[in-house]
Amino acid sequence: MDQVLLYMSISLAFVSFFLCLYACARVGKLLNSVKGLDWDTIACLTGDIGTIKKSIQTLNNRINGLNSPKLNDELLHYAIKQQSNVTDIKKNNIGG
């Protein structure tokens, strides 16, 4: 039983060592890829991501029918109808 635990702990130590080396290699690769990145470039990338996100949201709304011209026309007609139903108090000349 002691032999099994010894070999399992040694094998686990080797696996964890190789995973640590793999993680260090990935972090090094990331640091090398962003070495020449400055704050102006990050600001431009952030703006571009915001623009792309807004475009994707608009496209999704069009696909789902939330931004369809038919719906916009119906809302416009409804608003015009509601405005025509409102009467001006000054025109009625009601008072005492």
Protein backbone atom coordinates (compact mmCIF):
# COMPACT_ATOMS: atom_id res chain seq x y z
CA MET A 1 0.00 0.00 0.00
CA ASP A 2 2.85 2.37 0.80
CA GLN A 3 4.45 1.70 -2.58
CA VAL A 4 1.25 2.63 -4.41
CA LEU A 5 0.91 5.91 -2.53
CA LEU A 6 4.59 6.72 -3.19
CA TYR A 7 4.32 6.10 -6.93
CA MET A 8 1.02 7.98 -7.18
CA SER A 9 2.44 11.02 -5.39
CA ILE A 10 5.56 11.02 -7.60
CA SER A 11 3.47 10.74 -10.77
CA LEU A 12 1.17 13.51 -9.56
CA ALA A 13 4.21 15.71 -8.87
CA PHE A 14 5.51 15.13 -12.42
CA VAL A 15 2.15 15.91 -13.95
CA SER A 16 1.81 19.09 -11.92
CA PHE A 17 5.37 20.12 -12.88
CA PHE A 18 4.64 19.70 -16.59
CA LEU A 19 1.36 21.59 -16.25
CA CYS A 20 3.26 24.40 -14.55
CA LEU A 21 5.77 24.52 -17.42
CA TYR A 22 2.90 24.58 -19.92
CA ALA A 23 1.24 27.49 -18.08
CA CYS A 24 4.52 29.42 -17.96
CA ALA A 25 5.01 28.91 -21.70
CA ARG A 26 1.51 30.22 -22.41
CA VAL A 27 2.02 33.30 -20.22
CA GLY A 28 5.34 33.97 -21.96
CA LYS A 29 3.69 33.68 -25.35
CA LEU A 30 0.97 36.13 -24.27
CA LEU A 31 3.51 38.65 -22.96
CA ASN A 32 5.47 38.47 -26.22
CA SER A 33 2.32 39.03 -28.29
CA VAL A 34 1.32 42.20 -26.40
CA LYS A 35 4.81 43.63 -26.03
CA GLY A 36 4.30 46.46 -28.56
CA LEU A 37 0.76 47.35 -27.48
CA ASP A 38 0.28 50.90 -26.19
CA TRP A 39 -2.70 52.68 -24.61
CA ASP A 40 -3.79 54.39 -27.85
CA THR A 41 -4.10 51.03 -29.57
CA ILE A 42 -6.07 49.62 -26.64
CA ALA A 43 -8.44 52.63 -26.78
CA CYS A 44 -8.99 52.11 -30.52
CA LEU A 45 -9.62 48.41 -30.02
CA THR A 46 -12.12 49.16 -27.24
CA GLY A 47 -14.00 51.58 -29.51
CA ASP A 48 -14.01 49.06 -32.34
CA ILE A 49 -15.37 46.36 -30.04
CA GLY A 50 -18.18 48.70 -28.94
CA THR A 51 -19.07 49.45 -32.55
CA ILE A 52 -19.10 45.77 -33.47
CA LYS A 53 -21.23 44.96 -30.43
CA LYS A 54 -23.80 47.60 -31.40
CA SER A 55 -23.89 46.28 -34.97
CA ILE A 56 -24.45 42.73 -33.74
CA GLN A 57 -27.26 43.86 -31.42
CA THR A 58 -28.94 45.72 -34.30
CA LEU A 59 -28.60 42.68 -36.54
CA ASN A 60 -30.06 40.41 -33.85
CA ASN A 61 -33.00 42.79 -33.40
CA ARG A 62 -33.63 42.76 -37.14
CA ILE A 63 -33.49 38.99 -37.21
CA ASN A 64 -35.91 38.75 -34.28
CA GLY A 65 -38.27 41.28 -35.85
CA LEU A 66 -37.93 43.88 -33.09
CA ASN A 67 -36.52 46.50 -35.44
CA SER A 68 -38.67 45.83 -38.47
CA PRO A 69 -40.01 48.73 -40.56
CA LYS A 70 -43.52 47.32 -40.16
CA LEU A 71 -43.34 47.62 -36.38
CA ASN A 72 -41.89 51.12 -36.61
CA ASP A 73 -44.71 52.22 -38.93
CA GLU A 74 -47.34 50.79 -36.60
CA LEU A 75 -45.83 52.64 -33.64
CA LEU A 76 -45.75 55.88 -35.64
CA HIS A 77 -49.41 55.54 -36.65
CA TYR A 78 -50.39 54.78 -33.07
CA ALA A 79 -48.54 57.86 -31.79
CA ILE A 80 -50.20 60.09 -34.41
CA LYS A 81 -53.61 58.66 -33.52
CA GLN A 82 -53.01 59.32 -29.82
CA GLN A 83 -51.95 62.91 -30.52
CA SER A 84 -55.06 63.58 -32.62
CA ASN A 85 -57.29 62.36 -29.75
CA VAL A 86 -55.86 64.91 -27.31
CA THR A 87 -57.92 68.12 -27.18
CA ASP A 88 -56.59 71.50 -26.19
CA ILE A 89 -58.15 72.93 -23.01
CA LYS A 90 -57.98 76.49 -24.32
CA LYS A 91 -60.12 75.61 -27.36
CA ASN A 92 -63.05 74.31 -25.32
CA ASN A 93 -63.60 77.61 -23.44
CA ILE A 94 -65.08 75.74 -20.50
CA GLY A 95 -64.96 77.58 -17.22
CA GLY A 96 -66.85 79.74 -14.84
